[in-house]
N, C-alpha and C. Protein backbone atom coordinates (compact mmCIF):
# COMPACT_ATOMS: atom_id res chain seq x y z
N MET A 1 -147.07 -200.54 81.00
CA MET A 1 -146.03 -200.35 82.01
C MET A 1 -145.00 -199.37 81.46
N ILE A 2 -144.50 -198.56 82.37
CA ILE A 2 -143.49 -197.58 82.01
C ILE A 2 -142.40 -197.60 83.08
N ALA A 3 -141.16 -197.42 82.67
CA ALA A 3 -140.07 -197.42 83.64
C ALA A 3 -140.27 -196.28 84.64
N ALA A 4 -139.92 -196.54 85.90
CA ALA A 4 -140.13 -195.54 86.96
C ALA A 4 -139.42 -194.23 86.65
N ARG A 5 -138.19 -194.32 86.16
CA ARG A 5 -137.45 -193.08 85.84
C ARG A 5 -138.13 -192.29 84.73
N THR A 6 -138.67 -192.99 83.75
CA THR A 6 -139.39 -192.33 82.66
C THR A 6 -140.66 -191.68 83.20
N TYR A 7 -141.37 -192.39 84.06
CA TYR A 7 -142.59 -191.85 84.67
C TYR A 7 -142.29 -190.54 85.42
N PHE A 8 -141.23 -190.56 86.22
CA PHE A 8 -140.89 -189.36 86.98
C PHE A 8 -140.32 -188.26 86.08
N ALA A 9 -139.62 -188.63 85.04
CA ALA A 9 -139.15 -187.62 84.09
C ALA A 9 -140.34 -186.90 83.47
N ARG A 10 -141.39 -187.64 83.16
CA ARG A 10 -142.60 -187.02 82.62
C ARG A 10 -143.33 -186.19 83.67
N MET A 11 -143.38 -186.69 84.90
CA MET A 11 -144.01 -185.92 85.99
C MET A 11 -143.29 -184.59 86.21
N ASN A 12 -141.98 -184.61 86.04
CA ASN A 12 -141.18 -183.43 86.34
C ASN A 12 -140.81 -182.61 85.10
N GLU A 13 -141.30 -183.00 83.95
CA GLU A 13 -140.96 -182.32 82.71
C GLU A 13 -141.29 -180.83 82.78
N GLY A 14 -140.29 -180.02 82.48
CA GLY A 14 -140.48 -178.58 82.46
C GLY A 14 -140.54 -177.93 83.84
N ARG A 15 -140.28 -178.68 84.89
CA ARG A 15 -140.34 -178.15 86.25
C ARG A 15 -138.95 -177.89 86.79
N SER A 16 -138.79 -176.75 87.44
CA SER A 16 -137.53 -176.47 88.12
C SER A 16 -137.78 -175.88 89.51
N VAL A 17 -139.02 -175.52 89.80
CA VAL A 17 -139.38 -174.93 91.08
C VAL A 17 -140.08 -175.98 91.94
N TRP A 18 -139.62 -176.10 93.17
CA TRP A 18 -140.19 -177.06 94.11
C TRP A 18 -141.55 -176.57 94.58
N MET A 19 -142.44 -177.50 94.84
CA MET A 19 -143.75 -177.16 95.39
C MET A 19 -143.59 -176.68 96.83
N THR A 20 -144.50 -175.82 97.25
CA THR A 20 -144.52 -175.36 98.63
C THR A 20 -145.32 -176.35 99.48
N GLU A 21 -145.22 -176.19 100.77
CA GLU A 21 -146.00 -177.05 101.66
C GLU A 21 -147.50 -176.87 101.40
N ALA A 22 -147.93 -175.64 101.17
CA ALA A 22 -149.35 -175.38 100.89
C ALA A 22 -149.80 -176.09 99.62
N GLN A 23 -148.97 -176.11 98.59
CA GLN A 23 -149.30 -176.82 97.35
C GLN A 23 -149.37 -178.32 97.60
N LEU A 24 -148.45 -178.84 98.41
CA LEU A 24 -148.47 -180.26 98.74
C LEU A 24 -149.74 -180.62 99.51
N ILE A 25 -150.14 -179.78 100.43
CA ILE A 25 -151.36 -180.06 101.20
C ILE A 25 -152.56 -180.10 100.27
N LYS A 26 -152.67 -179.14 99.36
CA LYS A 26 -153.78 -179.13 98.41
C LYS A 26 -153.75 -180.38 97.53
N GLY A 27 -152.57 -180.74 97.02
CA GLY A 27 -152.44 -181.95 96.20
C GLY A 27 -152.77 -183.20 96.97
N CYS A 28 -152.40 -183.26 98.23
CA CYS A 28 -152.70 -184.42 99.07
C CYS A 28 -154.20 -184.51 99.34
N LYS A 29 -154.86 -183.38 99.56
CA LYS A 29 -156.32 -183.38 99.71
C LYS A 29 -156.97 -183.98 98.47
N ASP A 30 -156.52 -183.53 97.30
CA ASP A 30 -157.05 -184.06 96.03
C ASP A 30 -156.81 -185.56 95.93
N PHE A 31 -155.61 -186.00 96.33
CA PHE A 31 -155.28 -187.43 96.33
C PHE A 31 -156.23 -188.20 97.23
N PHE A 32 -156.42 -187.72 98.46
CA PHE A 32 -157.32 -188.40 99.39
C PHE A 32 -158.73 -188.49 98.82
N ILE A 33 -159.24 -187.40 98.32
CA ILE A 33 -160.60 -187.38 97.79
C ILE A 33 -160.75 -188.33 96.61
N SER A 34 -159.79 -188.32 95.71
CA SER A 34 -159.89 -189.20 94.53
C SER A 34 -159.70 -190.68 94.87
N ASN A 35 -159.20 -190.97 96.06
CA ASN A 35 -159.01 -192.35 96.50
C ASN A 35 -159.95 -192.74 97.64
N ASP A 36 -161.10 -192.06 97.71
CA ASP A 36 -162.19 -192.39 98.62
C ASP A 36 -161.87 -192.25 100.10
N TYR A 37 -160.94 -191.40 100.45
CA TYR A 37 -160.74 -191.04 101.85
C TYR A 37 -161.70 -189.89 102.11
N ASP A 38 -162.89 -190.23 102.59
CA ASP A 38 -163.97 -189.26 102.65
C ASP A 38 -163.97 -188.39 103.91
N GLN A 39 -163.16 -188.72 104.87
CA GLN A 39 -163.07 -187.92 106.09
C GLN A 39 -161.68 -187.29 106.16
N LEU A 40 -161.62 -185.98 106.00
CA LEU A 40 -160.34 -185.26 106.07
C LEU A 40 -160.34 -184.40 107.33
N GLU A 41 -159.22 -184.41 108.00
CA GLU A 41 -159.08 -183.61 109.21
C GLU A 41 -157.76 -182.86 109.14
N GLU A 42 -157.81 -181.57 109.40
CA GLU A 42 -156.59 -180.75 109.37
C GLU A 42 -156.07 -180.54 110.78
N ASN A 43 -154.76 -180.46 110.89
CA ASN A 43 -154.08 -180.16 112.16
C ASN A 43 -154.50 -181.09 113.29
N LYS A 44 -154.43 -182.36 113.04
CA LYS A 44 -154.78 -183.36 114.07
C LYS A 44 -153.56 -183.62 114.95
N VAL A 45 -153.78 -183.56 116.23
CA VAL A 45 -152.71 -183.81 117.19
C VAL A 45 -152.76 -185.29 117.61
N PHE A 46 -151.62 -185.95 117.52
CA PHE A 46 -151.47 -187.32 117.97
C PHE A 46 -150.65 -187.25 119.27
N ASP A 47 -151.29 -187.58 120.38
CA ASP A 47 -150.64 -187.38 121.68
C ASP A 47 -150.49 -188.65 122.50
N GLN A 48 -150.68 -189.80 121.87
CA GLN A 48 -150.45 -191.05 122.58
C GLN A 48 -149.09 -191.58 122.16
N GLY A 49 -148.34 -192.09 123.08
CA GLY A 49 -147.03 -192.64 122.74
C GLY A 49 -145.90 -191.76 123.25
N GLU A 50 -144.72 -191.99 122.71
CA GLU A 50 -143.50 -191.32 123.15
C GLU A 50 -143.48 -189.82 122.86
N ARG A 51 -144.02 -189.43 121.72
CA ARG A 51 -143.95 -188.02 121.33
C ARG A 51 -145.31 -187.52 120.91
N ILE A 52 -145.52 -186.24 121.09
CA ILE A 52 -146.73 -185.57 120.63
C ILE A 52 -146.38 -184.90 119.31
N PHE A 53 -147.20 -185.12 118.30
CA PHE A 53 -146.93 -184.47 117.02
C PHE A 53 -148.24 -184.11 116.33
N ASN A 54 -148.14 -183.17 115.43
CA ASN A 54 -149.28 -182.65 114.69
C ASN A 54 -149.17 -183.09 113.23
N SER A 55 -150.23 -183.66 112.72
CA SER A 55 -150.28 -183.99 111.30
C SER A 55 -151.16 -182.94 110.63
N LEU A 56 -150.61 -182.27 109.63
CA LEU A 56 -151.35 -181.18 108.97
C LEU A 56 -152.59 -181.67 108.24
N LEU A 57 -152.60 -182.92 107.80
CA LEU A 57 -153.76 -183.47 107.10
C LEU A 57 -153.84 -184.96 107.38
N VAL A 58 -155.03 -185.40 107.76
CA VAL A 58 -155.27 -186.82 108.02
C VAL A 58 -156.47 -187.23 107.19
N GLY A 59 -156.33 -188.33 106.46
CA GLY A 59 -157.42 -188.86 105.66
C GLY A 59 -157.88 -190.19 106.23
N SER A 60 -159.21 -190.37 106.27
CA SER A 60 -159.77 -191.63 106.78
C SER A 60 -160.80 -192.17 105.80
N LYS A 61 -160.85 -193.49 105.70
CA LYS A 61 -161.84 -194.21 104.92
C LYS A 61 -162.74 -194.95 105.88
N ALA A 62 -164.03 -194.79 105.69
CA ALA A 62 -164.98 -195.55 106.49
C ALA A 62 -165.29 -196.84 105.73
N GLY A 63 -165.73 -197.83 106.41
CA GLY A 63 -166.05 -199.11 105.78
C GLY A 63 -166.03 -200.19 106.82
N ASP A 64 -165.86 -201.43 106.37
CA ASP A 64 -165.78 -202.54 107.32
C ASP A 64 -164.65 -202.31 108.32
N ILE A 65 -163.51 -201.90 107.79
CA ILE A 65 -162.37 -201.55 108.63
C ILE A 65 -161.98 -200.13 108.27
N GLN A 66 -161.98 -199.25 109.26
CA GLN A 66 -161.61 -197.87 109.00
C GLN A 66 -160.11 -197.77 108.83
N GLU A 67 -159.67 -197.07 107.78
CA GLU A 67 -158.25 -196.82 107.52
C GLU A 67 -158.00 -195.35 107.73
N THR A 68 -156.90 -195.03 108.38
CA THR A 68 -156.52 -193.64 108.59
C THR A 68 -155.06 -193.47 108.21
N ILE A 69 -154.78 -192.38 107.51
CA ILE A 69 -153.40 -192.06 107.14
C ILE A 69 -153.07 -190.66 107.64
N ALA A 70 -152.06 -190.57 108.51
CA ALA A 70 -151.53 -189.30 108.97
C ALA A 70 -150.40 -188.90 108.03
N THR A 71 -150.33 -187.63 107.69
CA THR A 71 -149.33 -187.19 106.72
C THR A 71 -148.23 -186.37 107.39
N TYR A 72 -147.07 -186.44 106.78
CA TYR A 72 -145.96 -185.55 107.12
C TYR A 72 -145.49 -184.97 105.80
N PHE A 73 -145.46 -183.64 105.72
CA PHE A 73 -145.11 -182.97 104.48
C PHE A 73 -143.67 -182.49 104.50
N ARG A 74 -142.96 -182.82 103.43
CA ARG A 74 -141.58 -182.36 103.25
C ARG A 74 -141.45 -181.97 101.78
N PRO A 75 -141.55 -180.66 101.46
CA PRO A 75 -141.53 -180.25 100.06
C PRO A 75 -140.30 -180.73 99.28
N LYS A 76 -139.14 -180.70 99.93
CA LYS A 76 -137.91 -181.05 99.21
C LYS A 76 -137.11 -182.04 100.05
N ILE A 77 -136.80 -183.17 99.46
CA ILE A 77 -135.92 -184.14 100.11
C ILE A 77 -134.60 -184.12 99.35
N ASP A 78 -133.53 -183.88 100.08
CA ASP A 78 -132.22 -183.92 99.44
C ASP A 78 -131.26 -184.75 100.29
N ARG A 79 -130.05 -184.83 99.87
CA ARG A 79 -129.08 -185.71 100.51
C ARG A 79 -128.82 -185.39 101.97
N HIS A 80 -129.20 -184.23 102.44
CA HIS A 80 -128.93 -183.82 103.81
C HIS A 80 -130.09 -184.09 104.77
N ASP A 81 -131.12 -184.79 104.32
CA ASP A 81 -132.32 -184.99 105.11
C ASP A 81 -132.33 -186.29 105.92
N THR A 82 -131.19 -186.80 106.27
CA THR A 82 -131.15 -188.05 107.02
C THR A 82 -131.73 -187.88 108.43
N GLY A 83 -131.59 -186.69 109.03
CA GLY A 83 -132.16 -186.45 110.36
C GLY A 83 -133.67 -186.52 110.36
N LEU A 84 -134.29 -186.15 109.27
CA LEU A 84 -135.74 -186.21 109.14
C LEU A 84 -136.24 -187.64 109.33
N LEU A 85 -135.49 -188.59 108.86
CA LEU A 85 -135.95 -189.97 108.86
C LEU A 85 -136.03 -190.55 110.28
N GLY A 86 -135.19 -190.09 111.18
CA GLY A 86 -135.30 -190.51 112.58
C GLY A 86 -136.59 -190.00 113.21
N LEU A 87 -136.95 -188.77 112.90
CA LEU A 87 -138.22 -188.20 113.36
C LEU A 87 -139.39 -189.00 112.82
N LEU A 88 -139.36 -189.29 111.53
CA LEU A 88 -140.44 -190.07 110.91
C LEU A 88 -140.55 -191.46 111.54
N GLU A 89 -139.42 -192.06 111.86
CA GLU A 89 -139.44 -193.39 112.47
C GLU A 89 -140.18 -193.36 113.81
N SER A 90 -139.87 -192.39 114.65
CA SER A 90 -140.55 -192.35 115.95
C SER A 90 -142.03 -192.04 115.79
N MET A 91 -142.40 -191.18 114.84
CA MET A 91 -143.81 -190.89 114.59
C MET A 91 -144.53 -192.14 114.07
N LEU A 92 -143.90 -192.85 113.14
CA LEU A 92 -144.50 -194.05 112.58
C LEU A 92 -144.75 -195.10 113.66
N PHE A 93 -143.76 -195.34 114.51
CA PHE A 93 -143.93 -196.36 115.55
C PHE A 93 -144.99 -195.94 116.57
N ASP A 94 -145.06 -194.65 116.90
CA ASP A 94 -146.12 -194.19 117.80
C ASP A 94 -147.49 -194.43 117.19
N LEU A 95 -147.63 -194.16 115.90
CA LEU A 95 -148.91 -194.39 115.23
C LEU A 95 -149.28 -195.86 115.21
N LEU A 96 -148.32 -196.69 114.80
CA LEU A 96 -148.59 -198.12 114.71
C LEU A 96 -148.89 -198.74 116.06
N ASP A 97 -148.21 -198.26 117.10
CA ASP A 97 -148.38 -198.84 118.44
C ASP A 97 -149.61 -198.34 119.18
N ASN A 98 -150.05 -197.12 118.87
CA ASN A 98 -151.07 -196.49 119.71
C ASN A 98 -152.37 -196.12 119.02
N TYR A 99 -152.44 -196.26 117.71
CA TYR A 99 -153.65 -195.88 116.99
C TYR A 99 -154.03 -197.01 116.04
N GLU A 100 -155.18 -197.57 116.26
CA GLU A 100 -155.64 -198.70 115.46
C GLU A 100 -155.89 -198.29 114.01
N ASN A 101 -155.41 -199.09 113.07
CA ASN A 101 -155.61 -198.89 111.63
C ASN A 101 -155.16 -197.51 111.15
N THR A 102 -154.09 -197.00 111.77
CA THR A 102 -153.55 -195.69 111.39
C THR A 102 -152.12 -195.86 110.93
N ASN A 103 -151.79 -195.19 109.85
CA ASN A 103 -150.46 -195.29 109.29
C ASN A 103 -149.93 -193.91 108.96
N MET A 104 -148.66 -193.85 108.55
CA MET A 104 -147.97 -192.61 108.24
C MET A 104 -147.69 -192.55 106.74
N MET A 105 -147.78 -191.35 106.18
CA MET A 105 -147.43 -191.15 104.78
C MET A 105 -146.56 -189.90 104.67
N LEU A 106 -145.38 -190.07 104.11
CA LEU A 106 -144.51 -188.95 103.80
C LEU A 106 -144.94 -188.40 102.44
N VAL A 107 -145.22 -187.10 102.38
CA VAL A 107 -145.66 -186.45 101.16
C VAL A 107 -144.58 -185.47 100.73
N THR A 108 -144.14 -185.60 99.47
CA THR A 108 -143.07 -184.74 98.97
C THR A 108 -143.28 -184.42 97.50
N ASP A 109 -142.51 -183.48 97.01
CA ASP A 109 -142.53 -183.09 95.61
C ASP A 109 -141.91 -184.22 94.78
N SER A 110 -142.43 -184.44 93.59
CA SER A 110 -141.89 -185.49 92.73
C SER A 110 -140.44 -185.22 92.32
N LEU A 111 -139.98 -183.97 92.45
CA LEU A 111 -138.58 -183.68 92.18
C LEU A 111 -137.65 -184.36 93.20
N SER A 112 -138.21 -184.84 94.30
CA SER A 112 -137.42 -185.53 95.34
C SER A 112 -137.15 -186.99 94.97
N TYR A 113 -137.68 -187.45 93.87
CA TYR A 113 -137.54 -188.86 93.50
C TYR A 113 -136.07 -189.28 93.39
N MET A 114 -135.29 -188.54 92.66
CA MET A 114 -133.90 -188.95 92.43
C MET A 114 -133.08 -189.06 93.71
N PRO A 115 -133.13 -188.07 94.62
CA PRO A 115 -132.36 -188.24 95.86
C PRO A 115 -132.82 -189.45 96.67
N THR A 116 -134.11 -189.78 96.64
CA THR A 116 -134.59 -190.91 97.44
C THR A 116 -134.07 -192.25 96.94
N ILE A 117 -133.76 -192.34 95.66
CA ILE A 117 -133.24 -193.62 95.17
C ILE A 117 -131.73 -193.60 94.95
N LYS A 118 -131.13 -192.41 94.84
CA LYS A 118 -129.70 -192.31 94.54
C LYS A 118 -128.81 -192.16 95.77
N VAL A 119 -129.29 -191.48 96.81
CA VAL A 119 -128.49 -191.25 98.00
C VAL A 119 -128.67 -192.44 98.94
N GLU A 120 -127.60 -193.21 99.10
CA GLU A 120 -127.70 -194.48 99.80
C GLU A 120 -128.25 -194.35 101.22
N GLU A 121 -127.78 -193.36 101.97
CA GLU A 121 -128.28 -193.19 103.34
C GLU A 121 -129.79 -192.97 103.36
N LEU A 122 -130.28 -192.15 102.44
CA LEU A 122 -131.72 -191.89 102.36
C LEU A 122 -132.47 -193.13 101.92
N SER A 123 -131.98 -193.77 100.89
CA SER A 123 -132.72 -194.91 100.35
C SER A 123 -132.79 -196.06 101.36
N VAL A 124 -131.73 -196.31 102.09
CA VAL A 124 -131.74 -197.38 103.09
C VAL A 124 -132.71 -197.03 104.21
N ALA A 125 -132.67 -195.79 104.69
CA ALA A 125 -133.57 -195.38 105.77
C ALA A 125 -135.02 -195.40 105.30
N LEU A 126 -135.29 -194.92 104.10
CA LEU A 126 -136.66 -194.95 103.57
C LEU A 126 -137.14 -196.38 103.39
N GLU A 127 -136.26 -197.24 102.91
CA GLU A 127 -136.64 -198.65 102.74
C GLU A 127 -137.03 -199.26 104.08
N ASN A 128 -136.26 -198.97 105.12
CA ASN A 128 -136.58 -199.49 106.44
C ASN A 128 -137.93 -198.97 106.93
N LEU A 129 -138.18 -197.68 106.75
CA LEU A 129 -139.46 -197.09 107.16
C LEU A 129 -140.63 -197.70 106.39
N MET A 130 -140.43 -197.89 105.10
CA MET A 130 -141.50 -198.45 104.28
C MET A 130 -141.72 -199.92 104.61
N ASP A 131 -140.67 -200.63 104.98
CA ASP A 131 -140.82 -202.02 105.43
C ASP A 131 -141.68 -202.09 106.70
N GLU A 132 -141.62 -201.04 107.51
CA GLU A 132 -142.43 -200.98 108.73
C GLU A 132 -143.86 -200.53 108.47
N GLY A 133 -144.12 -199.98 107.26
CA GLY A 133 -145.49 -199.61 106.93
C GLY A 133 -145.72 -198.19 106.47
N MET A 134 -144.67 -197.37 106.38
CA MET A 134 -144.86 -196.00 105.93
C MET A 134 -145.10 -195.96 104.42
N PHE A 135 -145.98 -195.07 103.98
CA PHE A 135 -146.22 -194.84 102.56
C PHE A 135 -145.43 -193.61 102.12
N LEU A 136 -145.16 -193.54 100.83
CA LEU A 136 -144.45 -192.41 100.25
C LEU A 136 -145.26 -191.90 99.07
N LEU A 137 -145.67 -190.62 99.14
CA LEU A 137 -146.48 -190.02 98.09
C LEU A 137 -145.70 -188.89 97.44
N PHE A 138 -145.48 -189.01 96.13
CA PHE A 138 -144.85 -187.96 95.35
C PHE A 138 -145.94 -187.20 94.60
N LEU A 139 -145.89 -185.87 94.64
CA LEU A 139 -146.85 -185.03 93.93
C LEU A 139 -146.14 -184.10 92.99
N ASN A 140 -146.86 -183.66 91.95
CA ASN A 140 -146.35 -182.57 91.13
C ASN A 140 -147.41 -181.48 91.07
N GLU A 141 -147.08 -180.36 90.49
CA GLU A 141 -148.00 -179.21 90.50
C GLU A 141 -149.14 -179.36 89.49
N ARG A 142 -149.13 -180.43 88.73
CA ARG A 142 -150.18 -180.65 87.72
C ARG A 142 -151.14 -181.76 88.14
N SER A 143 -151.30 -181.98 89.40
CA SER A 143 -152.20 -182.99 89.97
C SER A 143 -151.77 -184.42 89.66
N GLY A 144 -150.52 -184.62 89.31
CA GLY A 144 -150.01 -185.97 89.13
C GLY A 144 -149.48 -186.49 90.46
N TYR A 145 -149.57 -187.79 90.65
CA TYR A 145 -149.04 -188.36 91.89
C TYR A 145 -148.55 -189.78 91.65
N ALA A 146 -147.72 -190.24 92.57
CA ALA A 146 -147.25 -191.61 92.58
C ALA A 146 -147.16 -192.03 94.05
N LEU A 147 -147.91 -193.05 94.41
CA LEU A 147 -147.93 -193.56 95.78
C LEU A 147 -147.20 -194.88 95.82
N PHE A 148 -146.34 -195.03 96.82
CA PHE A 148 -145.59 -196.27 96.99
C PHE A 148 -145.76 -196.77 98.42
N GLU A 149 -146.02 -198.07 98.55
CA GLU A 149 -146.11 -198.69 99.87
C GLU A 149 -144.91 -199.60 100.11
N GLU A 150 -144.13 -199.87 99.06
CA GLU A 150 -142.92 -200.69 99.19
C GLU A 150 -141.78 -199.99 98.46
N PHE A 151 -140.63 -199.94 99.10
CA PHE A 151 -139.49 -199.23 98.52
C PHE A 151 -139.05 -199.84 97.19
N GLN A 152 -139.10 -201.15 97.07
CA GLN A 152 -138.64 -201.81 95.84
C GLN A 152 -139.43 -201.32 94.62
N LYS A 153 -140.67 -200.93 94.83
CA LYS A 153 -141.51 -200.49 93.72
C LYS A 153 -141.08 -199.14 93.15
N LEU A 154 -140.23 -198.41 93.87
CA LEU A 154 -139.77 -197.11 93.37
C LEU A 154 -138.96 -197.24 92.10
N THR A 155 -138.36 -198.38 91.87
CA THR A 155 -137.54 -198.55 90.68
C THR A 155 -138.14 -199.56 89.69
N MET A 156 -139.28 -200.13 90.03
CA MET A 156 -139.93 -201.11 89.15
C MET A 156 -140.81 -200.39 88.13
N PRO A 157 -141.13 -201.04 87.02
CA PRO A 157 -142.05 -200.43 86.05
C PRO A 157 -143.40 -200.09 86.70
N ILE A 158 -143.97 -198.97 86.28
CA ILE A 158 -145.22 -198.46 86.85
C ILE A 158 -146.33 -198.68 85.84
N PRO A 159 -147.44 -199.30 86.26
CA PRO A 159 -148.57 -199.45 85.35
C PRO A 159 -149.25 -198.09 85.15
N VAL A 160 -149.52 -197.76 83.91
CA VAL A 160 -150.23 -196.52 83.61
C VAL A 160 -151.47 -196.86 82.78
N PRO A 161 -152.59 -196.23 83.12
CA PRO A 161 -153.82 -196.50 82.36
C PRO A 161 -153.71 -195.92 80.95
N ASP A 162 -154.39 -196.56 80.02
CA ASP A 162 -154.36 -196.07 78.63
C ASP A 162 -155.17 -194.82 78.48
């Protein structure tokens, strides 16, 4: 186990440039593939519910119960991104209400870790979204990632393989 701040310090070591959306998409594809999401779809339109929106990448797992994750990419999250969270909330509820076994995942650069836990408005809004079922995926440019399904786990020790 390693402290979350130490884990992210290592993920971000030597980095000062934020990843682009294209880099995040590539990293998310790698994440999906390495986690057995064998069906990837680009630019999927979700048009049931209150709003129509496009997810740049959707990963699905086949099996007894099919799981689908729609992604929303935000390369940089900072203290001024509170408006983004209202958009994510409406997208999340549309997915949960209108698409069976489909969920939302916010994908961002691992450099966004500190604002998500330090800026109270962001952390409270993210916690609420994650309580409803949204996932949060942090990526770095070296194929490292950290996936969270519960907000509380963002500050808890992270298990790392030997």
